[in-house]
Each structure stands twice: as C-alpha cells, then as structure tokens.
Amino acid sequence: MFDPMSELTGRPGGDEFGMGPTGAPPPQQRPPRAFGGGQGGQGSQGGAGGRFATDLHSVTIHARQRTFYVDLKESGNGKFFKISEKSRGGQKTTIMFDVEDLDQIIAALQEMKTKL
C-alpha cells in the first residue's frame, strides 16, 4: 500500500466528482510537471528507488478565492492521487490517497453533495 508520507516531494475536475457550482468554469488540464530533469514529463528518478513521483495526469480547478490541483501520480509504491488547495493568501494544503480508495472518496463527496 502507498505511504503518502514517503512522497513529500513535489490535480479529475469538479464535474468528474459530480460537484461544482453551476456556471463555474470547467477544470483546466495542465501538462504534467517534470521534476529533477526528467524527460517528456517523466519526473521519476529511477523508478522504485527514485525520490520523485511521475505526474500521469493533472487538472486545475479555479474556485472563488482558491485554486485546487488534482494530480494522478505514480511512484515505486504505485499510483496515487494528490489533491492540493492553495488559498489567495498563499497557504497550501495537500491530501494524498491510493487509487484503490478513489471510489470511496467519490461516494463520500456525492453523499456530502446530497446534504447541500
């Protein structure tokens, strides 16, 4: 299982989760970032022994006074999601979870949406 704390280095949009206010701009895809001089967006440094994860897909969501980044990444430990939020004041918060947990995360978000 992926250990998020081992990936301290380093965005499916609102519609994919069935969320987002009506009239909100759609999430914007952005090219994966390359870390450590990787080629073609490949940011891993030697696969399982590397320090960095490779960005597989990234989406940026601009919402009110915050920007959200949803990244699908892969490391030697497997694939995982990294969701970061950056507020207008520059504060950044990040969560990471295994791809195996995506269905549970989506179900929880859909449940919360029914409570709005």
PDB file of N, CA and C in Angstrom:
ATOM      1  N   MET A   1       0.841  -1.185   0.000  1.00  0.00           N
ATOM      2  CA  MET A   1       0.000   0.000   0.000  1.00  0.00           C
ATOM      3  C   MET A   1       0.884   1.245   0.000  1.00  0.00           C
ATOM      4  N   PHE A   2       0.451   2.258  -0.635  1.00  0.00           N
ATOM      5  CA  PHE A   2       1.194   3.504  -0.762  1.00  0.00           C
ATOM      6  C   PHE A   2       1.269   4.236   0.563  1.00  0.00           C
ATOM      7  N   ASP A   3       2.436   4.703   0.918  1.00  0.00           N
ATOM      8  CA  ASP A   3       2.635   5.501   2.113  1.00  0.00           C
ATOM      9  C   ASP A   3       2.773   6.957   1.697  1.00  0.00           C
ATOM     10  N   PRO A   4       1.726   7.798   1.890  1.00  0.00           N
ATOM     11  CA  PRO A   4       1.793   9.176   1.430  1.00  0.00           C
ATOM     12  C   PRO A   4       2.948   9.963   2.034  1.00  0.00           C
ATOM     13  N   MET A   5       3.412   9.601   3.187  1.00  0.00           N
ATOM     14  CA  MET A   5       4.495  10.349   3.815  1.00  0.00           C
ATOM     15  C   MET A   5       5.821  10.119   3.094  1.00  0.00           C
ATOM     16  N   SER A   6       5.905   9.032   2.302  1.00  0.00           N
ATOM     17  CA  SER A   6       7.142   8.788   1.572  1.00  0.00           C
ATOM     18  C   SER A   6       7.242   9.672   0.343  1.00  0.00           C
ATOM     19  N   GLU A   7       6.177  10.362  -0.010  1.00  0.00           N
ATOM     20  CA  GLU A   7       6.135  11.211  -1.201  1.00  0.00           C
ATOM     21  C   GLU A   7       5.998  12.679  -0.821  1.00  0.00           C
ATOM     22  N   LEU A   8       6.864  13.168   0.003  1.00  0.00           N
ATOM     23  CA  LEU A   8       6.770  14.546   0.461  1.00  0.00           C
ATOM     24  C   LEU A   8       7.278  15.541  -0.557  1.00  0.00           C
ATOM     25  N   THR A   9       7.762  15.087  -1.705  1.00  0.00           N
ATOM     26  CA  THR A   9       8.233  15.987  -2.743  1.00  0.00           C
ATOM     27  C   THR A   9       7.111  16.318  -3.718  1.00  0.00           C
ATOM     28  N   GLY A  10       7.583  17.417  -4.197  1.00  0.00           N
ATOM     29  CA  GLY A  10       6.691  17.852  -5.235  1.00  0.00           C
ATOM     30  C   GLY A  10       6.334  19.334  -5.209  1.00  0.00           C
ATOM     31  N   ARG A  11      -3.534  17.063 -10.325  1.00  0.00           N
ATOM     32  CA  ARG A  11      -4.656  17.887  -9.914  1.00  0.00           C
ATOM     33  C   ARG A  11      -5.798  17.208 -10.700  1.00  0.00           C
ATOM     34  N   PRO A  12      -9.083  14.855 -11.935  1.00  0.00           N
ATOM     35  CA  PRO A  12     -10.465  14.756 -12.359  1.00  0.00           C
ATOM     36  C   PRO A  12     -11.195  15.989 -11.831  1.00  0.00           C
ATOM     37  N   GLY A  13     -11.580  16.794 -12.371  1.00  0.00           N
ATOM     38  CA  GLY A  13     -12.218  18.065 -12.055  1.00  0.00           C
ATOM     39  C   GLY A  13     -13.502  17.886 -11.305  1.00  0.00           C
ATOM     40  N   GLY A  14     -14.149  19.025 -10.982  1.00  0.00           N
ATOM     41  CA  GLY A  14     -15.380  19.008 -10.218  1.00  0.00           C
ATOM     42  C   GLY A  14     -16.476  18.213 -10.884  1.00  0.00           C
ATOM     43  N   ASP A  15     -16.558  18.280 -12.201  1.00  0.00           N
ATOM     44  CA  ASP A  15     -17.615  17.560 -12.883  1.00  0.00           C
ATOM     45  C   ASP A  15     -17.431  16.055 -12.770  1.00  0.00           C
ATOM     46  N   GLU A  16     -16.231  15.578 -12.725  1.00  0.00           N
ATOM     47  CA  GLU A  16     -15.988  14.161 -12.612  1.00  0.00           C
ATOM     48  C   GLU A  16     -16.454  13.630 -11.269  1.00  0.00           C
ATOM     49  N   PHE A  17     -16.497  14.487 -10.254  1.00  0.00           N
ATOM     50  CA  PHE A  17     -16.993  14.085  -8.952  1.00  0.00           C
ATOM     51  C   PHE A  17     -18.470  14.439  -8.791  1.00  0.00           C
ATOM     52  N   GLY A  18     -19.075  15.023  -9.861  1.00  0.00           N
ATOM     53  CA  GLY A  18     -20.461  15.439  -9.773  1.00  0.00           C
ATOM     54  C   GLY A  18     -20.630  16.651  -8.889  1.00  0.00           C
ATOM     55  N   MET A  19     -19.589  17.477  -8.771  1.00  0.00           N
ATOM     56  CA  MET A  19     -19.649  18.633  -7.901  1.00  0.00           C
ATOM     57  C   MET A  19     -19.359  19.888  -8.696  1.00  0.00           C
ATOM     58  N   GLY A  20     -19.399  21.002  -8.028  1.00  0.00           N
ATOM     59  CA  GLY A  20     -19.074  22.273  -8.657  1.00  0.00           C
ATOM     60  C   GLY A  20     -20.326  23.085  -8.872  1.00  0.00           C
ATOM     61  N   PRO A  21     -20.265  24.367  -8.562  1.00  0.00           N
ATOM     62  CA  PRO A  21     -21.443  25.213  -8.729  1.00  0.00           C
ATOM     63  C   PRO A  21     -21.778  25.394 -10.205  1.00  0.00           C
ATOM     64  N   THR A  22     -23.059  25.547 -10.471  1.00  0.00           N
ATOM     65  CA  THR A  22     -23.500  25.770 -11.835  1.00  0.00           C
ATOM     66  C   THR A  22     -22.883  27.050 -12.354  1.00  0.00           C
ATOM     67  N   GLY A  23     -22.386  27.002 -13.570  1.00  0.00           N
ATOM     68  CA  GLY A  23     -21.774  28.178 -14.158  1.00  0.00           C
ATOM     69  C   GLY A  23     -20.316  28.354 -13.809  1.00  0.00           C
ATOM     70  N   ALA A  24     -19.766  27.453 -13.017  1.00  0.00           N
ATOM     71  CA  ALA A  24     -18.345  27.551 -12.675  1.00  0.00           C
ATOM     72  C   ALA A  24     -17.516  27.169 -13.894  1.00  0.00           C
ATOM     73  N   PRO A  25     -16.363  27.782 -14.061  1.00  0.00           N
ATOM     74  CA  PRO A  25     -15.528  27.419 -15.206  1.00  0.00           C
ATOM     75  C   PRO A  25     -15.090  25.969 -15.094  1.00  0.00           C
ATOM     76  N   PRO A  26     -14.982  25.270 -16.217  1.00  0.00           N
ATOM     77  CA  PRO A  26     -14.572  23.868 -16.160  1.00  0.00           C
ATOM     78  C   PRO A  26     -13.125  23.752 -15.722  1.00  0.00           C
ATOM     79  N   PRO A  27     -12.767  22.608 -15.138  1.00  0.00           N
ATOM     80  CA  PRO A  27     -11.379  22.412 -14.738  1.00  0.00           C
ATOM     81  C   PRO A  27     -10.468  22.500 -15.955  1.00  0.00           C
ATOM     82  N   GLN A  28      -9.274  22.995 -15.755  1.00  0.00           N
ATOM     83  CA  GLN A  28      -8.317  23.134 -16.841  1.00  0.00           C
ATOM     84  C   GLN A  28      -7.237  22.080 -16.700  1.00  0.00           C
ATOM     85  N   GLN A  29      -6.978  21.368 -17.802  1.00  0.00           N
ATOM     86  CA  GLN A  29      -5.884  20.417 -17.782  1.00  0.00           C
ATOM     87  C   GLN A  29      -4.594  21.175 -17.961  1.00  0.00           C
ATOM     88  N   ARG A  30      -3.567  20.675 -17.348  1.00  0.00           N
ATOM     89  CA  ARG A  30      -2.261  21.284 -17.498  1.00  0.00           C
ATOM     90  C   ARG A  30      -1.270  20.174 -17.748  1.00  0.00           C
ATOM     91  N   PRO A  31      -0.190  20.481 -18.418  1.00  0.00           N
ATOM     92  CA  PRO A  31       0.792  19.433 -18.686  1.00  0.00           C
ATOM     93  C   PRO A  31       1.454  18.987 -17.399  1.00  0.00           C
ATOM     94  N   PRO A  32       1.789  17.703 -17.299  1.00  0.00           N
ATOM     95  CA  PRO A  32       2.489  17.233 -16.108  1.00  0.00           C
ATOM     96  C   PRO A  32       3.813  17.948 -15.945  1.00  0.00           C
ATOM     97  N   ARG A  33       4.181  18.170 -14.693  1.00  0.00           N
ATOM     98  CA  ARG A  33       5.454  18.819 -14.392  1.00  0.00           C
ATOM     99  C   ARG A  33       6.551  17.769 -14.353  1.00  0.00           C
ATOM    100  N   ALA A  34       7.711  18.152 -14.789  1.00  0.00           N
ATOM    101  CA  ALA A  34       8.864  17.260 -14.702  1.00  0.00           C
ATOM    102  C   ALA A  34       9.719  17.703 -13.525  1.00  0.00           C
ATOM    103  N   PHE A  35      10.081  16.769 -12.678  1.00  0.00           N
ATOM    104  CA  PHE A  35      10.926  17.048 -11.533  1.00  0.00           C
ATOM    105  C   PHE A  35      12.291  16.443 -11.777  1.00  0.00           C
ATOM    106  N   GLY A  36      13.319  17.116 -11.357  1.00  0.00           N
ATOM    107  CA  GLY A  36      14.652  16.550 -11.382  1.00  0.00           C
ATOM    108  C   GLY A  36      15.218  16.326 -12.764  1.00  0.00           C
ATOM    109  N   GLY A  37      14.792  17.082 -13.771  1.00  0.00           N
ATOM    110  CA  GLY A  37      15.371  16.963 -15.091  1.00  0.00           C
ATOM    111  C   GLY A  37      14.911  15.760 -15.872  1.00  0.00           C
ATOM    112  N   GLY A  38      13.731  15.189 -15.523  1.00  0.00           N
ATOM    113  CA  GLY A  38      13.212  14.049 -16.271  1.00  0.00           C
ATOM    114  C   GLY A  38      12.870  14.436 -17.693  1.00  0.00           C
ATOM    115  N   GLN A  39      12.751  13.466 -18.561  1.00  0.00           N
ATOM    116  CA  GLN A  39      12.446  13.738 -19.958  1.00  0.00           C
ATOM    117  C   GLN A  39      10.986  13.452 -20.229  1.00  0.00           C
ATOM    118  N   GLY A  40      10.373  14.261 -21.095  1.00  0.00           N
ATOM    119  CA  GLY A  40       8.998  14.032 -21.517  1.00  0.00           C
ATOM    120  C   GLY A  40       8.003  14.038 -20.391  1.00  0.00           C
ATOM    121  N   GLY A  41       8.253  14.838 -19.363  1.00  0.00           N
ATOM    122  CA  GLY A  41       7.318  14.906 -18.244  1.00  0.00           C
ATOM    123  C   GLY A  41       7.502  13.765 -17.263  1.00  0.00           C
ATOM    124  N   GLN A  42       8.481  12.917 -17.478  1.00  0.00           N
ATOM    125  CA  GLN A  42       8.716  11.806 -16.574  1.00  0.00           C
ATOM    126  C   GLN A  42       9.570  12.298 -15.424  1.00  0.00           C
ATOM    127  N   GLY A  43       8.991  12.433 -14.247  1.00  0.00           N
ATOM    128  CA  GLY A  43       9.710  13.018 -13.146  1.00  0.00           C
ATOM    129  C   GLY A  43      10.326  12.020 -12.198  1.00  0.00           C
ATOM    130  N   SER A  44      10.182  10.713 -12.466  1.00  0.00           N
ATOM    131  CA  SER A  44      10.748   9.757 -11.525  1.00  0.00           C
ATOM    132  C   SER A  44      12.243   9.678 -11.714  1.00  0.00           C
ATOM    133  N   GLN A  45      12.920   9.391 -10.657  1.00  0.00           N
ATOM    134  CA  GLN A  45      14.374   9.282 -10.675  1.00  0.00           C
ATOM    135  C   GLN A  45      14.738   7.807 -10.509  1.00  0.00           C
ATOM    136  N   GLY A  46      14.586   7.035 -11.561  1.00  0.00           N
ATOM    137  CA  GLY A  46      15.000   5.641 -11.497  1.00  0.00           C
ATOM    138  C   GLY A  46      13.937   4.712 -10.956  1.00  0.00           C
ATOM    139  N   GLY A  47      12.669   5.014 -11.113  1.00  0.00           N
ATOM    140  CA  GLY A  47      11.605   4.092 -10.740  1.00  0.00           C
ATOM    141  C   GLY A  47      11.435   3.958  -9.248  1.00  0.00           C
ATOM    142  N   ALA A  48      11.423   2.682  -8.772  1.00  0.00           N
ATOM    143  CA  ALA A  48      11.109   2.415  -7.375  1.00  0.00           C
ATOM    144  C   ALA A  48      12.123   3.024  -6.417  1.00  0.00           C
ATOM    145  N   GLY A  49      13.364   3.199  -6.863  1.00  0.00           N
ATOM    146  CA  GLY A  49      14.361   3.759  -5.978  1.00  0.00           C
ATOM    147  C   GLY A  49      14.422   5.269  -6.028  1.00  0.00           C
ATOM    148  N   GLY A  50      13.581   5.909  -6.853  1.00  0.00           N
ATOM    149  CA  GLY A  50      13.646   7.348  -7.027  1.00  0.00           C
ATOM    150  C   GLY A  50      12.973   8.114  -5.914  1.00  0.00           C
ATOM    151  N   ARG A  51      13.312   9.388  -5.833  1.00  0.00           N
ATOM    152  CA  ARG A  51      12.745  10.240  -4.794  1.00  0.00           C
ATOM    153  C   ARG A  51      11.453  10.886  -5.236  1.00  0.00           C
ATOM    154  N   PHE A  52      11.177  10.929  -6.529  1.00  0.00           N
ATOM    155  CA  PHE A  52      10.058  11.686  -7.033  1.00  0.00           C
ATOM    156  C   PHE A  52       9.022  10.789  -7.684  1.00  0.00           C
ATOM    157  N   ALA A  53       7.793  11.262  -7.681  1.00  0.00           N
ATOM    158  CA  ALA A  53       6.717  10.581  -8.373  1.00  0.00           C
ATOM    159  C   ALA A  53       6.547  11.199  -9.751  1.00  0.00           C
ATOM    160  N   THR A  54       6.023  10.427 -10.684  1.00  0.00           N
ATOM    161  CA  THR A  54       5.764  10.900 -12.035  1.00  0.00           C
ATOM    162  C   THR A  54       4.322  11.366 -12.134  1.00  0.00           C
ATOM    163  N   ASP A  55       4.098  12.558 -12.678  1.00  0.00           N
ATOM    164  CA  ASP A  55       2.744  13.043 -12.943  1.00  0.00           C
ATOM    165  C   ASP A  55       2.200  12.291 -14.150  1.00  0.00           C
ATOM    166  N   LEU A  56       1.031  11.643 -13.991  1.00  0.00           N
ATOM    167  CA  LEU A  56       0.377  10.960 -15.100  1.00  0.00           C
ATOM    168  C   LEU A  56      -0.701  11.825 -15.727  1.00  0.00           C
ATOM    169  N   HIS A  57      -1.411  12.597 -14.888  1.00  0.00           N
ATOM    170  CA  HIS A  57      -2.469  13.493 -15.375  1.00  0.00           C
ATOM    171  C   HIS A  57      -2.714  14.558 -14.318  1.00  0.00           C
ATOM    172  N   SER A  58      -2.984  15.776 -14.780  1.00  0.00           N
ATOM    173  CA  SER A  58      -3.201  16.884 -13.851  1.00  0.00           C
ATOM    174  C   SER A  58      -4.347  17.755 -14.323  1.00  0.00           C
ATOM    175  N   VAL A  59      -5.120  18.261 -13.363  1.00  0.00           N
ATOM    176  CA  VAL A  59      -6.234  19.169 -13.642  1.00  0.00           C
ATOM    177  C   VAL A  59      -6.181  20.294 -12.617  1.00  0.00           C
ATOM    178  N   THR A  60      -6.447  21.516 -13.079  1.00  0.00           N
ATOM    179  CA  THR A  60      -6.514  22.682 -12.201  1.00  0.00           C
ATOM    180  C   THR A  60      -7.956  23.169 -12.138  1.00  0.00           C
ATOM    181  N   ILE A  61      -8.442  23.458 -10.936  1.00  0.00           N
ATOM    182  CA  ILE A  61      -9.800  23.965 -10.735  1.00  0.00           C
ATOM    183  C   ILE A  61      -9.694  25.327 -10.057  1.00  0.00           C
ATOM    184  N   HIS A  62     -10.204  26.361 -10.717  1.00  0.00           N
ATOM    185  CA  HIS A  62     -10.233  27.704 -10.132  1.00  0.00           C
ATOM    186  C   HIS A  62     -11.613  27.910  -9.515  1.00  0.00           C
ATOM    187  N   ALA A  63     -11.667  28.123  -8.199  1.00  0.00           N
ATOM    188  CA  ALA A  63     -12.926  28.258  -7.485  1.00  0.00           C
ATOM    189  C   ALA A  63     -12.824  29.419  -6.504  1.00  0.00           C
ATOM    190  N   ARG A  64     -13.646  30.405  -6.708  1.00  0.00           N
ATOM    191  CA  ARG A  64     -13.700  31.576  -5.843  1.00  0.00           C
ATOM    192  C   ARG A  64     -12.314  32.084  -5.471  1.00  0.00           C
ATOM    193  N   GLN A  65     -11.941  31.965  -4.210  1.00  0.00           N
ATOM    194  CA  GLN A  65     -10.660  32.510  -3.758  1.00  0.00           C
ATOM    195  C   GLN A  65      -9.597  31.431  -3.577  1.00  0.00           C
ATOM    196  N   ARG A  66      -9.834  30.268  -4.173  1.00  0.00           N
ATOM    197  CA  ARG A  66      -8.890  29.165  -4.030  1.00  0.00           C
ATOM    198  C   ARG A  66      -8.631  28.530  -5.389  1.00  0.00           C
ATOM    199  N   THR A  67      -7.509  27.855  -5.486  1.00  0.00           N
ATOM    200  CA  THR A  67      -7.186  27.059  -6.663  1.00  0.00           C
ATOM    201  C   THR A  67      -6.902  25.647  -6.172  1.00  0.00           C
ATOM    202  N   PHE A  68      -7.506  24.662  -6.848  1.00  0.00           N
ATOM    203  CA  PHE A  68      -7.307  23.262  -6.497  1.00  0.00           C
ATOM    204  C   PHE A  68      -6.532  22.584  -7.612  1.00  0.00           C
ATOM    205  N   TYR A  69      -5.623  21.715  -7.234  1.00  0.00           N
ATOM    206  CA  TYR A  69      -4.832  20.938  -8.179  1.00  0.00           C
ATOM    207  C   TYR A  69      -5.081  19.465  -7.887  1.00  0.00           C
ATOM    208  N   VAL A  70      -5.535  18.718  -8.876  1.00  0.00           N
ATOM    209  CA  VAL A  70      -5.770  17.291  -8.725  1.00  0.00           C
ATOM    210  C   VAL A  70      -4.766  16.576  -9.621  1.00  0.00           C
ATOM    211  N   ASP A  71      -3.880  15.801  -9.013  1.00  0.00           N
ATOM    212  CA  ASP A  71      -2.838  15.102  -9.749  1.00  0.00           C
ATOM    213  C   ASP A  71      -2.999  13.598  -9.589  1.00  0.00           C
ATOM    214  N   LEU A  72      -2.849  12.884 -10.695  1.00  0.00           N
ATOM    215  CA  LEU A  72      -2.690  11.435 -10.660  1.00  0.00           C
ATOM    216  C   LEU A  72      -1.203  11.197 -10.841  1.00  0.00           C
ATOM    217  N   LYS A  73      -0.599  10.511  -9.891  1.00  0.00           N
ATOM    218  CA  LYS A  73       0.848  10.312  -9.897  1.00  0.00           C
ATOM    219  C   LYS A  73       1.175   8.832  -9.758  1.00  0.00           C
ATOM    220  N   GLU A  74       2.407   8.519 -10.086  1.00  0.00           N
ATOM    221  CA  GLU A  74       2.880   7.147  -9.896  1.00  0.00           C
ATOM    222  C   GLU A  74       4.287   7.185  -9.339  1.00  0.00           C
ATOM    223  N   SER A  75       4.519   6.329  -8.351  1.00  0.00           N
ATOM    224  CA  SER A  75       5.853   6.190  -7.770  1.00  0.00           C
ATOM    225  C   SER A  75       6.176   4.702  -7.728  1.00  0.00           C
ATOM    226  N   GLY A  76       7.268   4.379  -7.140  1.00  0.00           N
ATOM    227  CA  GLY A  76       7.632   2.984  -6.976  1.00  0.00           C
ATOM    228  C   GLY A  76       6.644   2.222  -6.113  1.00  0.00           C
ATOM    229  N   ASN A  77       5.866   2.925  -5.329  1.00  0.00           N
ATOM    230  CA  ASN A  77       4.855   2.308  -4.465  1.00  0.00           C
ATOM    231  C   ASN A  77       3.515   2.134  -5.157  1.00  0.00           C
ATOM    232  N   GLY A  78       3.349   2.634  -6.390  1.00  0.00           N
ATOM    233  CA  GLY A  78       2.095   2.513  -7.125  1.00  0.00           C
ATOM    234  C   GLY A  78       1.499   3.866  -7.461  1.00  0.00           C
ATOM    235  N   LYS A  79       0.259   3.841  -7.968  1.00  0.00           N
ATOM    236  CA  LYS A  79      -0.435   5.070  -8.367  1.00  0.00           C
ATOM    237  C   LYS A  79      -1.201   5.651  -7.184  1.00  0.00           C
ATOM    238  N   PHE A  80      -1.274   6.995  -7.185  1.00  0.00           N
ATOM    239  CA  PHE A  80      -1.990   7.675  -6.115  1.00  0.00           C
ATOM    240  C   PHE A  80      -2.467   9.037  -6.601  1.00  0.00           C
ATOM    241  N   PHE A  81      -3.419   9.603  -5.871  1.00  0.00           N
ATOM    242  CA  PHE A  81      -3.933  10.938  -6.145  1.00  0.00           C
ATOM    243  C   PHE A  81      -3.355  11.913  -5.125  1.00  0.00           C
ATOM    244  N   LYS A  82      -3.072  13.109  -5.606  1.00  0.00           N
ATOM    245  CA  LYS A  82      -2.634  14.193  -4.728  1.00  0.00           C
ATOM    246  C   LYS A  82      -3.547  15.370  -5.036  1.00  0.00           C
ATOM    247  N   ILE A  83      -4.259  15.846  -4.034  1.00  0.00           N
ATOM    248  CA  ILE A  83      -5.148  16.999  -4.187  1.00  0.00           C
ATOM    249  C   ILE A  83      -4.619  18.110  -3.313  1.00  0.00           C
ATOM    250  N   SER A  84      -4.298  19.238  -3.948  1.00  0.00           N
ATOM    251  CA  SER A  84      -3.752  20.385  -3.224  1.00  0.00           C
ATOM    252  C   SER A  84      -4.680  21.572  -3.380  1.00  0.00           C
ATOM    253  N   GLU A  85      -4.751  22.381  -2.346  1.00  0.00           N
ATOM    254  CA  GLU A  85      -5.566  23.599  -2.351  1.00  0.00           C
ATOM    255  C   GLU A  85      -4.656  24.747  -1.981  1.00  0.00           C
ATOM    256  N   LYS A  86      -4.713  25.796  -2.778  1.00  0.00           N
ATOM    257  CA  LYS A  86      -3.922  26.989  -2.485  1.00  0.00           C
ATOM    258  C   LYS A  86      -4.879  28.162  -2.346  1.00  0.00           C
ATOM    259  N   SER A  87      -4.860  28.798  -1.193  1.00  0.00           N
ATOM    260  CA  SER A  87      -5.747  29.929  -0.950  1.00  0.00           C
ATOM    261  C   SER A  87      -5.138  31.196  -1.522  1.00  0.00           C
ATOM    262  N   ARG A  88      -5.941  32.229  -1.594  1.00  0.00           N
ATOM    263  CA  ARG A  88      -5.473  33.510  -2.117  1.00  0.00           C
ATOM    264  C   ARG A  88      -4.291  34.034  -1.300  1.00  0.00           C
ATOM    265  N   GLY A  89      -4.262  33.739  -0.015  1.00  0.00           N
ATOM    266  CA  GLY A  89      -3.174  34.181   0.845  1.00  0.00           C
ATOM    267  C   GLY A  89      -1.906  33.365   0.686  1.00  0.00           C
ATOM    268  N   GLY A  90      -1.943  32.334  -0.149  1.00  0.00           N
ATOM    269  CA  GLY A  90      -0.757  31.548  -0.410  1.00  0.00           C
ATOM    270  C   GLY A  90      -0.618  30.296   0.423  1.00  0.00           C
ATOM    271  N   GLN A  91      -1.531  30.069   1.371  1.00  0.00           N
ATOM    272  CA  GLN A  91      -1.459  28.870   2.197  1.00  0.00           C
ATOM    273  C   GLN A  91      -1.816  27.654   1.352  1.00  0.00           C
ATOM    274  N   LYS A  92      -1.078  26.564   1.505  1.00  0.00           N
ATOM    275  CA  LYS A  92      -1.294  25.365   0.704  1.00  0.00           C
ATOM    276  C   LYS A  92      -1.577  24.178   1.614  1.00  0.00           C
ATOM    277  N   THR A  93      -2.583  23.372   1.238  1.00  0.00           N
ATOM    278  CA  THR A  93      -2.956  22.170   1.958  1.00  0.00           C
ATOM    279  C   THR A  93      -3.017  21.026   0.952  1.00  0.00           C
ATOM    280  N   THR A  94      -2.528  19.860   1.331  1.00  0.00           N
ATOM    281  CA  THR A  94      -2.477  18.727   0.413  1.00  0.00           C
ATOM    282  C   THR A  94      -2.952  17.461   1.102  1.00  0.00           C
ATOM    283  N   ILE A  95      -3.715  16.632   0.355  1.00  0.00           N
ATOM    284  CA  ILE A  95      -4.038  15.279   0.798  1.00  0.00           C
ATOM    285  C   ILE A  95      -3.608  14.330  -0.309  1.00  0.00           C
ATOM    286  N   MET A  96      -3.282  13.105   0.069  1.00  0.00           N
ATOM    287  CA  MET A  96      -2.915  12.072  -0.891  1.00  0.00           C
ATOM    288  C   MET A  96      -3.630  10.784  -0.511  1.00  0.00           C
ATOM    289  N   PHE A  97      -4.033  10.005  -1.539  1.00  0.00           N
ATOM    290  CA  PHE A  97      -4.659   8.723  -1.280  1.00  0.00           C
ATOM    291  C   PHE A  97      -4.431   7.784  -2.457  1.00  0.00           C
ATOM    292  N   ASP A  98      -4.450   6.486  -2.182  1.00  0.00           N
ATOM    293  CA  ASP A  98      -4.249   5.459  -3.202  1.00  0.00           C
ATOM    294  C   ASP A  98      -5.383   5.457  -4.215  1.00  0.00           C
ATOM    295  N   VAL A  99      -5.082   5.037  -5.452  1.00  0.00           N
ATOM    296  CA  VAL A  99      -6.126   4.945  -6.473  1.00  0.00           C
ATOM    297  C   VAL A  99      -7.202   3.948  -6.054  1.00  0.00           C
ATOM    298  N   GLU A 100      -6.850   2.953  -5.249  1.00  0.00           N
ATOM    299  CA  GLU A 100      -7.830   1.968  -4.788  1.00  0.00           C
ATOM    300  C   GLU A 100      -8.916   2.600  -3.924  1.00  0.00           C
ATOM    301  N   ASP A 101      -8.640   3.760  -3.348  1.00  0.00           N
ATOM    302  CA  ASP A 101      -9.601   4.428  -2.470  1.00  0.00           C
ATOM    303  C   ASP A 101     -10.476   5.446  -3.196  1.00  0.00           C
ATOM    304  N   LEU A 102     -10.269   5.622  -4.504  1.00  0.00           N
ATOM    305  CA  LEU A 102     -10.991   6.657  -5.253  1.00  0.00           C
ATOM    306  C   LEU A 102     -12.507   6.485  -5.172  1.00  0.00           C
ATOM    307  N   ASP A 103     -13.012   5.262  -5.319  1.00  0.00           N
ATOM    308  CA  ASP A 103     -14.460   5.048  -5.269  1.00  0.00           C
ATOM    309  C   ASP A 103     -15.048   5.470  -3.927  1.00  0.00           C
ATOM    310  N   GLN A 104     -14.331   5.206  -2.843  1.00  0.00           N
ATOM    311  CA  GLN A 104     -14.815   5.614  -1.517  1.00  0.00           C
ATOM    312  C   GLN A 104     -14.810   7.131  -1.369  1.00  0.00           C
ATOM    313  N   ILE A 105     -13.790   7.786  -1.910  1.00  0.00           N
ATOM    314  CA  ILE A 105     -13.716   9.251  -1.846  1.00  0.00           C
ATOM    315  C   ILE A 105     -14.865   9.863  -2.641  1.00  0.00           C
ATOM    316  N   ILE A 106     -15.101   9.343  -3.848  1.00  0.00           N
ATOM    317  CA  ILE A 106     -16.194   9.851  -4.689  1.00  0.00           C
ATOM    318  C   ILE A 106     -17.535   9.627  -4.003  1.00  0.00           C
ATOM    319  N   ALA A 107     -17.746   8.453  -3.425  1.00  0.00           N
ATOM    320  CA  ALA A 107     -19.005   8.162  -2.722  1.00  0.00           C
ATOM    321  C   ALA A 107     -19.219   9.133  -1.562  1.00  0.00           C
ATOM    322  N   ALA A 108     -18.155   9.432  -0.823  1.00  0.00           N
ATOM    323  CA  ALA A 108     -18.274  10.363   0.304  1.00  0.00           C
ATOM    324  C   ALA A 108     -18.619  11.771  -0.195  1.00  0.00           C
ATOM    325  N   LEU A 109     -17.992  12.202  -1.288  1.00  0.00           N
ATOM    326  CA  LEU A 109     -18.286  13.523  -1.842  1.00  0.00           C
ATOM    327  C   LEU A 109     -19.720  13.600  -2.373  1.00  0.00           C
ATOM    328  N   GLN A 110     -20.170  12.518  -3.018  1.00  0.00           N
ATOM    329  CA  GLN A 110     -21.538  12.503  -3.521  1.00  0.00           C
ATOM    330  C   GLN A 110     -22.545  12.526  -2.369  1.00  0.00           C
ATOM    331  N   GLU A 111     -22.235  11.823  -1.285  1.00  0.00           N
ATOM    332  CA  GLU A 111     -23.098  11.861  -0.104  1.00  0.00           C
ATOM    333  C   GLU A 111     -23.161  13.278   0.464  1.00  0.00           C
ATOM    334  N   MET A 112     -22.009  13.926   0.556  1.00  0.00           N
ATOM    335  CA  MET A 112     -21.979  15.293   1.081  1.00  0.00           C
ATOM    336  C   MET A 112     -22.775  16.235   0.179  1.00  0.00           C
ATOM    337  N   LYS A 113     -22.713  16.012  -1.121  1.00  0.00           N
ATOM    338  CA  LYS A 113     -23.439  16.864  -2.061  1.00  0.00           C
ATOM    339  C   LYS A 113     -24.943  16.780  -1.837  1.00  0.00           C
ATOM    340  N   THR A 114     -25.443  15.592  -1.434  1.00  0.00           N
ATOM    341  CA  THR A 114     -26.879  15.445  -1.179  1.00  0.00           C
ATOM    342  C   THR A 114     -27.317  16.246   0.049  1.00  0.00           C
ATOM    343  N   LYS A 115     -26.380  16.641   0.890  1.00  0.00           N
ATOM    344  CA  LYS A 115     -26.693  17.390   2.116  1.00  0.00           C
ATOM    345  C   LYS A 115     -26.697  18.893   1.905  1.00  0.00           C
ATOM    346  N   LEU A 116     -26.364  19.343   0.693  1.00  0.00           N
ATOM    347  CA  LEU A 116     -26.321  20.788   0.416  1.00  0.00           C
ATOM    348  C   LEU A 116     -27.713  21.389   0.398  1.00  0.00           C
TER     349      LEU A 116
END
